Amino acid sequence: MATIDHISWAEIEILSRQLAAKITEKFDTIVCLLRGGAIPGVILANELGIESVLGVKVQQRGQELAVLDSSAATAAMPYQGLAGNILVPLNDFDLRGKNVLVVDDVLDSGESARLIMEEIKRQSPALVKLATLHIKSYSRFKSDYYCEVKTNWLFYPWMSSSELKQMHTRLAAAEKNKK
């Protein structure tokens, strides 16, 4: 049965610094997936000496729809990763020829990261890599850099109590669907 792991601020700081130590390439710009990638992204920027930090926001339709009645739904992943929409775009920031590091807290379905990386690649950067604190064991995608593989749901310190309640509701519904 999947549970929810509560990640502390201290763990975020430790994991972010561990992640920075794994990054071998030199990057010009960090693109943070908002909201989860904002804090790890800023810590990485400080650790790696990167001045240019951007934020993009993707609406994750799959999580908002809570696709629990699908035959593919499980307690570990009780939704499908549907294609999202970019709500806060990169606008006219020129990434041509730049080395770009995309940062998020967790790579779950991977759809948000995939969407942003495709958007960045359209701008002809020299290099695009993905760094996340966590990846889910069932993710179809893998980060270029990550610290830990997780199966349980993750509750980060910047998330709201309503998000935690929503996680508990989804887990309970997934468990009920299994019976």
Foldseek 3Di string as FASTA:
>chain_A
DFDEDEAEPVNLLVLLLVLLVPDDDQFAEEEEEPPQFPVSRVSSCVSRVHDHYHYWYWDFPFLVVQCQPDPPAALLRRTARDATHTPGDPPPDQQAQGAYEYEGAECEQVRVVVVNVVVSVVNHYPHYFYEYQEYEPPHPDDGPTYNYYHRHHYDYPVDDPVVVVSSVVSSVSNVVVVD
